[in-house]
Protein backbone atom coordinates (compact mmCIF):
# COMPACT_ATOMS: atom_id res chain seq x y z
CA MET A 1 8.36 -33.13 -2.78
CA ASP A 2 10.86 -33.27 0.08
CA ILE A 3 10.91 -31.39 3.40
CA PHE A 4 13.14 -28.58 2.12
CA GLN A 5 10.90 -27.96 -0.89
CA GLY A 6 7.78 -27.98 1.28
CA ILE A 7 9.20 -25.39 3.68
CA ILE A 8 10.45 -23.13 0.87
CA ILE A 9 7.10 -23.20 -0.92
CA GLY A 10 5.30 -22.52 2.39
CA ILE A 11 7.49 -19.48 3.08
CA VAL A 12 6.94 -18.15 -0.44
CA GLN A 13 3.18 -18.56 -0.14
CA GLY A 14 3.05 -16.89 3.28
CA LEU A 15 5.15 -13.90 2.23
CA THR A 16 3.66 -13.31 -1.20
CA GLU A 17 0.02 -13.71 -0.13
CA PHE A 18 0.29 -10.41 1.73
CA LEU A 19 3.24 -8.65 0.11
CA PRO A 20 2.12 -6.96 -3.14
CA VAL A 21 4.05 -9.31 -5.45
CA SER A 22 1.46 -12.00 -6.37
CA SER A 23 1.43 -15.33 -4.56
CA SER A 24 0.01 -17.12 -7.61
CA ALA A 25 2.90 -16.05 -9.84
CA HIS A 26 5.55 -16.86 -7.24
CA LEU A 27 4.12 -20.29 -6.50
CA VAL A 28 4.28 -21.11 -10.21
CA PHE A 29 7.84 -19.72 -10.45
CA VAL A 30 9.21 -21.48 -7.35
CA GLN A 31 7.56 -24.80 -8.20
CA ASN A 32 9.16 -24.68 -11.63
CA LEU A 33 12.50 -23.68 -10.12
CA LEU A 34 12.42 -26.52 -7.58
CA GLY A 35 11.09 -29.02 -10.11
CA VAL A 36 7.93 -29.64 -8.07
CA GLU A 37 4.62 -30.27 -9.80
CA ALA A 38 1.68 -28.13 -8.73
CA ASP A 39 -0.29 -29.95 -6.02
CA LEU A 40 -3.81 -28.71 -5.35
CA ALA A 41 -3.95 -30.52 -2.02
CA PHE A 42 -0.73 -28.86 -0.82
CA ASP A 43 -2.01 -25.48 -2.06
CA THR A 44 -5.07 -26.06 0.13
CA PHE A 45 -2.89 -26.37 3.22
CA LEU A 46 -0.97 -23.25 2.23
CA HIS A 47 -4.25 -21.31 1.95
CA LEU A 48 -5.21 -22.56 5.40
CA GLY A 49 -1.85 -21.35 6.73
CA THR A 50 -2.26 -17.83 5.37
CA LEU A 51 -5.87 -17.77 6.59
CA ILE A 52 -4.74 -18.58 10.13
CA ALA A 53 -2.04 -15.90 9.90
CA VAL A 54 -4.46 -13.11 8.96
CA LEU A 55 -7.12 -14.27 11.43
CA TRP A 56 -4.62 -14.27 14.29
CA PHE A 57 -3.06 -10.93 13.36
CA PHE A 58 -6.43 -9.15 13.20
CA ARG A 59 -8.14 -11.26 15.87
CA TYR A 60 -9.29 -8.30 17.96
CA ASP A 61 -10.73 -6.47 14.96
CA ILE A 62 -12.43 -9.64 13.77
CA ILE A 63 -14.01 -10.29 17.17
CA LYS A 64 -15.34 -6.71 17.19
CA MET A 65 -16.63 -7.11 13.63
CA LEU A 66 -18.39 -10.40 14.35
CA SER A 67 -19.97 -9.03 17.54
CA ALA A 68 -21.09 -5.87 15.75
CA TRP A 69 -22.43 -7.87 12.79
CA ILE A 70 -24.54 -10.07 15.07
CA LEU A 71 -25.90 -6.93 16.75
CA SER A 72 -26.69 -5.45 13.34
CA ILE A 73 -28.75 -8.54 12.50
CA GLU A 74 -30.71 -7.96 15.70
CA ASP A 75 -31.15 -4.30 14.70
CA LEU A 76 -32.45 -5.40 11.31
CA ILE A 77 -34.96 -7.79 12.86
CA GLN A 78 -36.18 -5.12 15.27
CA GLY A 79 -36.52 -2.47 12.59
CA ARG A 80 -33.70 -0.17 13.70
CA PHE A 81 -30.96 -1.34 11.34
CA LYS A 82 -30.13 2.03 9.79
CA GLU A 83 -29.56 3.80 13.09
CA GLY A 84 -27.47 0.97 14.50
CA PHE A 85 -25.52 0.60 11.27
CA TYR A 86 -24.14 4.11 11.26
CA SER A 87 -23.48 4.25 15.01
CA ASP A 88 -20.77 1.57 15.04
CA PRO A 89 -17.87 1.58 12.51
CA TYR A 90 -17.32 -2.15 13.05
CA LYS A 91 -20.88 -2.87 11.94
CA ARG A 92 -20.22 -1.01 8.71
CA LEU A 93 -16.83 -2.69 8.29
CA ALA A 94 -18.35 -6.16 8.69
CA TRP A 95 -21.02 -5.49 6.06
CA TYR A 96 -18.55 -3.78 3.74
CA VAL A 97 -16.25 -6.82 3.84
CA ILE A 98 -19.22 -8.88 2.67
CA LEU A 99 -19.98 -6.31 -0.02
CA GLY A 100 -16.35 -6.22 -1.15
CA THR A 101 -16.26 -10.01 -1.41
CA ILE A 102 -19.19 -10.25 -3.86
CA PRO A 103 -17.19 -9.29 -7.01
CA VAL A 104 -14.51 -11.96 -6.53
CA GLY A 105 -17.20 -14.53 -5.78
CA ILE A 106 -19.03 -13.72 -9.00
CA VAL A 107 -15.85 -13.69 -11.10
CA GLY A 108 -14.68 -16.96 -9.54
CA LEU A 109 -17.96 -18.73 -10.32
CA LEU A 110 -18.28 -17.40 -13.87
CA PHE A 111 -14.69 -17.69 -15.02
CA GLU A 112 -13.23 -20.53 -12.94
CA ASP A 113 -12.39 -22.73 -15.94
CA SER A 114 -10.80 -19.87 -17.88
CA VAL A 115 -8.66 -18.84 -14.92
CA ASP A 116 -7.59 -22.44 -14.29
CA ALA A 117 -6.44 -22.61 -17.93
CA LEU A 118 -4.30 -19.50 -17.43
CA PHE A 119 -2.69 -21.02 -14.33
CA SER A 120 -1.80 -24.16 -16.22
CA GLY A 121 -0.32 -22.24 -19.16
CA ALA A 122 3.19 -20.98 -19.88
CA LEU A 123 5.20 -18.89 -17.41
CA TYR A 124 4.94 -15.78 -19.58
CA VAL A 125 1.27 -15.32 -18.53
CA PRO A 126 1.90 -14.77 -14.78
CA ALA A 127 5.15 -12.96 -15.67
CA PHE A 128 3.24 -10.45 -17.81
CA PHE A 129 0.63 -9.81 -15.12
CA LEU A 130 3.36 -9.49 -12.49
CA PHE A 131 4.76 -6.63 -14.60
CA VAL A 132 1.25 -5.13 -14.63
CA THR A 133 1.16 -5.44 -10.83
CA GLY A 134 4.37 -3.42 -10.60
CA THR A 135 2.90 -0.71 -12.83
CA ILE A 136 -0.29 -0.52 -10.75
CA LEU A 137 1.73 -0.23 -7.55
CA TYR A 138 4.02 2.44 -8.98
CA LEU A 139 1.15 4.60 -10.21
CA SER A 140 -0.82 4.23 -6.98
CA GLN A 141 2.14 5.54 -4.97
CA ARG A 142 1.88 8.78 -6.97
CA MET A 143 -1.64 9.37 -5.63
CA ALA A 144 -2.08 11.78 -2.75
CA SER A 145 -2.88 9.93 0.46
CA GLY A 146 -6.56 10.31 1.38
CA ASN A 147 -8.27 10.43 4.75
CA VAL A 148 -10.87 7.66 4.39
CA ASN A 149 -10.52 5.24 7.30
CA LEU A 150 -12.50 2.95 9.58
CA ASN A 151 -14.73 5.79 10.73
CA ASN A 152 -15.82 7.12 7.34
CA ILE A 153 -15.44 4.37 4.75
CA THR A 154 -18.53 4.00 2.54
CA LYS A 155 -20.03 1.39 0.22
CA LYS A 156 -18.29 3.02 -2.73
CA GLU A 157 -14.75 2.50 -1.40
CA ALA A 158 -15.52 -1.04 -0.20
CA LEU A 159 -16.97 -2.07 -3.55
CA TRP A 160 -14.10 -0.46 -5.48
CA MET A 161 -11.54 -2.44 -3.47
CA GLY A 162 -13.66 -5.54 -3.99
CA LEU A 163 -13.48 -5.00 -7.75
CA GLY A 164 -9.71 -4.72 -7.42
CA GLN A 165 -9.64 -8.04 -5.60
CA ALA A 166 -11.77 -9.62 -8.34
CA CYS A 167 -9.25 -8.53 -10.98
CA ALA A 168 -6.50 -10.24 -8.97
CA ILE A 169 -7.96 -13.64 -9.78
CA LEU A 170 -5.67 -13.45 -12.83
CA PRO A 171 -2.32 -15.22 -12.27
CA GLY A 172 0.38 -12.67 -11.57
CA LEU A 173 -1.90 -9.84 -10.44
CA SER A 174 -1.23 -9.38 -6.74
CA ARG A 175 -4.39 -9.49 -4.62
CA SER A 176 -2.95 -7.30 -1.88
CA GLY A 177 -1.23 -5.00 -4.38
CA THR A 178 -4.33 -4.51 -6.50
CA THR A 179 -6.67 -3.92 -3.58
CA ILE A 180 -4.29 -1.54 -1.79
CA ALA A 181 -3.76 0.38 -5.03
CA ALA A 182 -7.52 0.53 -5.58
CA GLY A 183 -7.95 1.92 -2.07
CA LEU A 184 -5.29 4.58 -2.57
CA THR A 185 -6.83 5.72 -5.87
CA ILE A 186 -10.19 6.31 -4.20
CA GLY A 187 -8.91 8.19 -1.17
CA LEU A 188 -8.20 5.67 1.57
CA ASP A 189 -5.58 6.39 4.18
CA LYS A 190 -2.50 4.27 3.36
CA GLU A 191 -2.48 2.27 6.57
CA PHE A 192 -6.22 1.62 6.47
CA ALA A 193 -6.04 0.64 2.79
CA ALA A 194 -3.59 -2.12 3.72
CA LYS A 195 -5.60 -3.16 6.76
CA PHE A 196 -8.87 -3.34 4.85
CA SER A 197 -7.11 -5.23 2.05
CA PHE A 198 -5.89 -7.90 4.48
CA ILE A 199 -9.25 -8.24 6.24
CA LEU A 200 -10.97 -8.40 2.83
CA SER A 201 -8.74 -11.36 1.97
CA ILE A 202 -10.28 -13.51 4.73
CA PRO A 203 -13.51 -14.53 2.90
CA ALA A 204 -11.59 -15.00 -0.38
CA ILE A 205 -8.95 -17.26 1.19
CA LEU A 206 -11.62 -19.10 3.19
CA GLY A 207 -13.63 -19.67 0.01
CA ALA A 208 -10.60 -21.04 -1.83
CA PHE A 209 -9.85 -23.33 1.12
CA ILE A 210 -13.41 -24.69 1.26
CA LEU A 211 -13.46 -25.40 -2.47
CA GLN A 212 -10.17 -27.30 -2.24
CA ALA A 213 -10.72 -28.98 1.15
CA LYS A 214 -11.72 -32.29 -0.44
CA ASP A 215 -8.09 -32.74 -1.57
CA ILE A 216 -6.53 -32.52 1.91
CA GLY A 217 -6.54 -36.26 2.53
CA SER A 218 -4.51 -37.05 -0.57
CA ALA A 219 -1.81 -34.56 0.45
CA LEU A 220 -1.39 -36.11 3.90
CA ASP A 221 -1.30 -39.62 2.48
CA VAL A 222 1.55 -38.80 0.10
CA ASN A 223 3.64 -36.04 1.73
CA PHE A 224 2.69 -35.75 5.38
CA LEU A 225 5.84 -34.12 6.81
CA PRO A 226 6.62 -31.70 3.91
CA VAL A 227 2.97 -30.58 3.83
CA ILE A 228 2.74 -29.98 7.60
CA LEU A 229 6.06 -28.11 7.73
CA GLY A 230 5.08 -26.09 4.65
CA PHE A 231 1.80 -25.22 6.36
CA ILE A 232 3.61 -24.04 9.52
CA ALA A 233 6.05 -22.03 7.40
CA SER A 234 3.16 -20.31 5.59
CA VAL A 235 1.55 -19.32 8.92
CA ILE A 236 4.74 -17.76 10.29
CA ALA A 237 5.75 -16.09 7.02
CA GLY A 238 2.22 -14.77 6.47
CA TYR A 239 2.07 -13.20 9.94
CA LEU A 240 5.46 -11.54 9.48
CA ALA A 241 4.50 -10.30 6.00
CA ILE A 242 1.36 -8.59 7.33
CA LYS A 243 3.31 -6.91 10.13
CA TRP A 244 6.02 -5.75 7.74
CA MET A 245 3.55 -4.42 5.19
CA LEU A 246 1.62 -2.38 7.75
CA ASP A 247 4.85 -0.85 9.07
CA LEU A 248 6.19 -0.23 5.58
CA ILE A 249 3.12 1.40 4.07
CA LYS A 250 2.81 3.71 7.09
CA ASN A 251 6.37 5.00 6.90
CA ARG A 252 7.66 4.41 3.38
CA SER A 253 6.74 3.95 -0.27
CA LEU A 254 5.86 0.62 -1.90
CA ASP A 255 8.00 1.47 -4.93
CA ILE A 256 10.49 -1.26 -4.00
CA PHE A 257 7.80 -3.85 -4.73
CA ALA A 258 6.98 -2.19 -8.05
CA TYR A 259 10.63 -2.42 -9.09
CA TYR A 260 10.79 -6.02 -7.91
CA CYS A 261 7.67 -6.98 -9.90
CA TRP A 262 9.07 -5.32 -13.02
CA ILE A 263 12.45 -7.05 -12.76
CA VAL A 264 11.09 -10.52 -11.98
CA GLY A 265 8.28 -10.16 -14.51
CA ILE A 266 10.67 -9.16 -17.32
CA VAL A 267 13.26 -11.83 -16.48
CA VAL A 268 10.71 -14.66 -16.30
CA PHE A 269 8.82 -13.41 -19.35
CA MET A 270 11.97 -13.23 -21.49
CA GLY A 271 13.17 -16.60 -20.20
CA SER A 272 9.82 -18.19 -20.95
CA ILE A 273 9.68 -16.74 -24.47
CA ALA A 274 13.29 -17.82 -25.16
CA HIS A 275 12.42 -21.35 -24.01
CA ILE A 276 9.49 -21.50 -26.46
CA PHE A 277 11.71 -20.58 -29.40
């Protein structure tokens, strides 16, 4: 992998981690297009890049959540958890992020080998699920916007979005697209659905990074400069993607991403099938 390839793959990872077009599918597509073999160690750095991007973008919310969560632990110890829980929306948000992370953790532990096999399979698998992502996005945009936000989100909405995130473990199903669509179908305000989706990604991305961290050394030994530049590219692209998505979902429809997923999914699927025969 050369410097150009590392930067391109980093940009693709950063953009597609937060745009509703599936980072897993696009990493497979671009690596095949560039003739680069999948590198778990490099993927680890890319996950770290997108993690830094989302942490920095929502740094003020995260500080409030962590402070509120620590206070809620004190409330629990002192026997006044329920009262303190409902008095501060950031306490609820912190606990609901934990709740929403449980499904993807369970699915990841139970089906890790099966999912890995799908990622190592033919291109038509992520292409098919990318088409499904487009369909989910398109249908969700036809839902009336709800009024559930930071101040009134409940366990039900948090768990439902967590289930959407768990489904996105499949290659080609967009994590952000699936969780945002899940939020819209259950009555979340559009902007808050996107915001909660991005914050919900933090434990999932962190978990993936921790599981893969043992491979970091091998990446630096072999491709130091391409890996570092790819990492920086993923941070910048991820930050810009979050900002763009929040602006876009507030003012416009996400149909453009549905059309994109359909077109790319069909083209790659047909190309992959033609190559088999």
